[in-house]
């Protein structure tokens, strides 16, 4: 019985040792799990703390957004009220505009009728003014042509008077025979032929011809200047007056010169 008891105890001890080994393994496993769970809890705690901080920030932001929302809502209500007032004013303005358009249309119709009559009057006056301008242009052109023609006649008379004076002086001082002797004597002194002497004496006639040509060119330039003034934009009266006065002064000088030549003759 003792032996059997000892074997029984041994078998129990062996069983207990095996159970202890199993318990130890289980305990190690549980310790590992507890450690893992602890680490996981620590991580989750850290995550929770972070989430709490984010929640606090989100809460503050929510408060700010709610405040902004209330402000925006109040401003929107104010703007809506203003919009309502503006819509009512627009309706009133449209009514007033309709009334003004009706009144303006009636007034414009009356003004158009009056303007048509006034336009006809203005057109008649404009046609009359154009006719007067054309008549004035014709008058100025005729006046300038007549003035230039009379100046040319005076120049011709002055030339003729000068020639007549020279001929009379020659008749008084020398006979034809004396003239021929004087020409022969001048040719012998100058050692030129009689023909060359006549050409020398004709130089004066060439100068007179050149002078006449130059005066004619000046007259053409003056007439062209008058034409440009008549075609130019307003005002041109002062320039036209100066140009005509210039010719009148020239004519006065020619008349005085011609009168002097006639008196001397």
Foldseek 3Di string as FASTA:
>chain_A
DVVVVVVVVVVVVVVVVVVVVVVVVVVVVVVVVVVVVVVVVVVVVVVVVVVVVVVVVVVVVVVVVVVVVVVVVVVVVVVVVVVVVVVVVVVVVVVVVVVVVVVVVVVVVVVVVVVVVVVVVVVVVVVVVVVVLVVVLVVLLVVLVVLVVVLVVLVVLLVVLVVVVVVVVCVVPHDPVVVVVVLVVVCVVVVHDSVVSVVVVCVVVVVVVVVVVVVVVVSVVLSVVLVVLSVDDPDRVVVSVVSVVVSVVSSVVSVVSSVVSVVVD
